[in-house]
Amino acid sequence: MKFMKLGSKPDSFQSNGSDIRFVASDLATDVVVQVGEVKFFLHKFPLLSKSSKLQKLVLQATSDGTDEISLPDFPGGPKAFDICAKFCYGMVVTLNPYNVVPTRCAAEYLEMTETVEKGNLIFKIEVFLNSSIFRSWKDTIIVLQSAKNLLPWSEDLKIVGRCIDSIASKTSVDPSNVTWSYSYSKKMNLTDEIVETVDRRIPPKDWWIEDLCELDVDFYKRVMVAIKSKGRMSADLIGEALRAYAVRWLPDRYDALVGEDYAKRNRVMVETIIWLLPSDKGPSGCSCRFLLKLLKVAILVGAGEGLKEELIHRISILLHQASAKDLLLPVRSSEEDGVGANTIYDVGLVIELVRRYMARNGDVHCDDGKEMIELSFERENLLALGELVDGFLCEVASDPNLGIDSFVELATAIPEMGRPVHDGLYTAIDIYLKEHPDMTKSDKKRICGLMDVRKLSTEGSIHAAQNDRLPLRVVVQVLFFEQQRTATSTPLPGKLNSILEESDHDPAPQPVDPQPISLTLSKEERQRSKARNSMTSLMTGRVANRADRLLLPSRSRRIFDKLWVGKGERENGKGESETSGSSQSPPVSTKTGEVKSLGSSRNRRYSVS
């Protein structure tokens, strides 16, 4: 830290309580100067020899018959006047980065210029600022911070402007030429490290970021504008600086973010950070996660719509870099009864982000080898986007207010090539079915139709085959396509189609007699039970040894044959009925073992009597 000593006489100022200051001298004081709550009992001659302002005020007080002078709104308060008064007496005073701005403003107020006396206080302070303060990185930042409480004086004296220009110039210097100390802490350091000039290590390119985080938001904005105007700073470094400033000042807790005492400050801060985002075309220098955090804060504190729209545009370019947790954005207060209304998180906004991303990256041509490489890169981004959307659907599927239209719209926003595996989508559908048990059959069919069971992994197929929440048609499809994966002989598509058709056109269940309920099994229940058994044996064989795998197809087909054998019996029964002219069902035994031999005609599907 730089400092400057002025004067040579010993300090003889003394205090009488907290509001009285006087000079210990054999001469009686002849003027009283009141600054704020403090009264200074001083002598006229040393004051008038250096202050044009005090000359006028003393002359006015003498004409009024009083020896007391009042200095209202004195810049810097009693402490700054104390330094100026000691300088007038020739006593030792020490200027440093913390008191130089208040003293400079006080000297300006008292008109301690060269016209009154050569080598006056204003001149000496300016020499100190230009020769020492503005050449030091950390001292310049301290001076700029202290200037905040002395506006507009510090602004009119161009102290603020000179500090900003000095800081911006130093950030643009090649790191190998940095010869001043700065603060630099990283994860590998447990404490902040002060890097001095004696350390010959070359500073990193972002050496200046941490120190600027201590600035007030208004000064920080002006410094960053000056740095950007130099045109020597990359977008990545600008983005890193903004991220560090946001981490330093924007709280993570909701109450601290939107509390009455903080909301306005946080709104100004987030709007400033958004306004300062790099304007370079292409990558913005900021990660998608950081931009989404800014958007979340902007929504909570009620930032301007234009700034939020700017964030949405930037996020849509980098959406494939986000995570599902990052997309859990609060519902915008301006949103009315549209997509995502009344939900916990803003699903409609995520749909809009996906649409914009697809509109921007959807058209990729393959004219030559170079374009093929670009297509491969776009393919990776698209796969990442597919995983992102499926993960987000899993996060919001448990929201009871999430409508099926929103779910379907978001799920279908990803093209087929972006979702080669449907395990994530199946998980989201399962969660949605669990949290919405009152869905109609048509809605279940609609939402399950989003999933391609051929794209489920083995683990996903096992889970789906045992899932009571899925329609029977989907379970049978899972079994069939899983059989196709491992079968070494021709599958049985004809009987499968008959099962699917019947499950699609099943009439509504009829009430049953409560007495034989323990023996009553619907056709759907029998099929689901056999389907589970089939899947269990099929999946067990996939992880067994090779010899066992060769035997599995015939075992699984025998289970399927049990599901479909009723169809042949129904055809034979129909012929016998037409011959005898009777449509009466045969009597059914009450033995448990005979339940398995029940006929499968439609008039006996839901009850056994």
Foldseek 3Di string as FASTA:
>chain_A
DDKDKFFDAADQWDDDPDAEIEGPDPDFFQAWEHWPRHIYRHHDVLLQLFFPQVVVQCVVQVVVVHRYHYDPPQQPTPVLVVQLSCNSVRHMDMDALQCLLSVLLNCVVRVRDVVSPNPTDNVVSVCCCVVPQLVAQLSLLSNLQNCVVRPPSCVVVCSLVSSLLSNLVQLLDQQQPDQHWAWDDDPVDPDIDIDHNVPNDRDDNLRSLPSLLPHDQVSSLSSLVSNVVVVRDDLLSQQVSLLVSCVVPQDPDLCCLAPPVHLVVNLVNLLSSLVSFAPDPDQRNHALLSLLVSLQSCQSSVHDPVSNVSSLLNNLQRVLRDALVSQQHADHPPDDPDAQPPWRGRLVSVLVSLLSNCVVLVDQDPPDPVSVVVVVVSLVSLLSVLVRLLRNLLVRLLTLPHDLVSVVSSLPSRDPSNPQACLSLVNSLLNNCVNCVPDDPVSLCVSCVSDDLLRYDLVSLLCLLLDPSHQLLVNLNSLQSLLVVLDPDDDDVVLNVVVNVCSVPQDDADDEDPPLVVLWDALSRVSSVLSNVLSVLSSVQVPDDPVSSNVNSVVSVVSVCLNRVLVVVVVVVVVVCVVVVDPDDDAFDSDNVRSSVDHDDSVRRGGHD
